[in-house]
Amino acid sequence: MLGSLAPCAAHAQKNTPEPILRVTLDPPCVVVRQAATQRIEVLAPNYMTAPPKLPEFQPSNALTRLLRSPNESEERDGLTYGGVRFEFAIHPQEPGSYAISGLTIVAKYAVDPPATREATLTLPRIAFQPSSRMWHPICPSSLQAVCRSR
């Protein structure tokens, strides 16, 4: 009987849902001192047992501040995920290349309560290049009017 349970346990462990990490930067083009909003969404199966631990980040020559961090929930394949969406305003202070990379987030969650798990998630590299001109040469042509109007 025990032999037949081991493959089931291994199969269940292999199909254990993992946390979800989404990172976006909006708008895709900015001018100097205009805010770009970085969103970091951390969702875990079932619910989080503690808020995710984010590292502090402050790109050189930019002002960064937390705008808000609302709780979120979402359903995927019949499973509920709970988490937080962090929104940061990043205001580049001079033209040049800006990048945020190599940061990790620690998420503690209860996929099978009361047992908890901890996952370390690595943020993908986010890069942008603000311009000092109102017309931004890096913006796609469809966004030129939006960039010029700001």
Foldseek 3Di string as FASTA:
>chain_A
DVVVVVVVVVVCVVPQDAKDWDWDWPPQAAAAQAWIKIKIWIKGWPEFPDAKDWDDDDWPQKDKDWDDKDKDWDDDPNTIIIHIMTIMIIHHHAWDKTKDFDIWIWTWDCNPPPDIDIDIGGDHMDMHTHHNDLQDPVDDPVCRVVSNVD
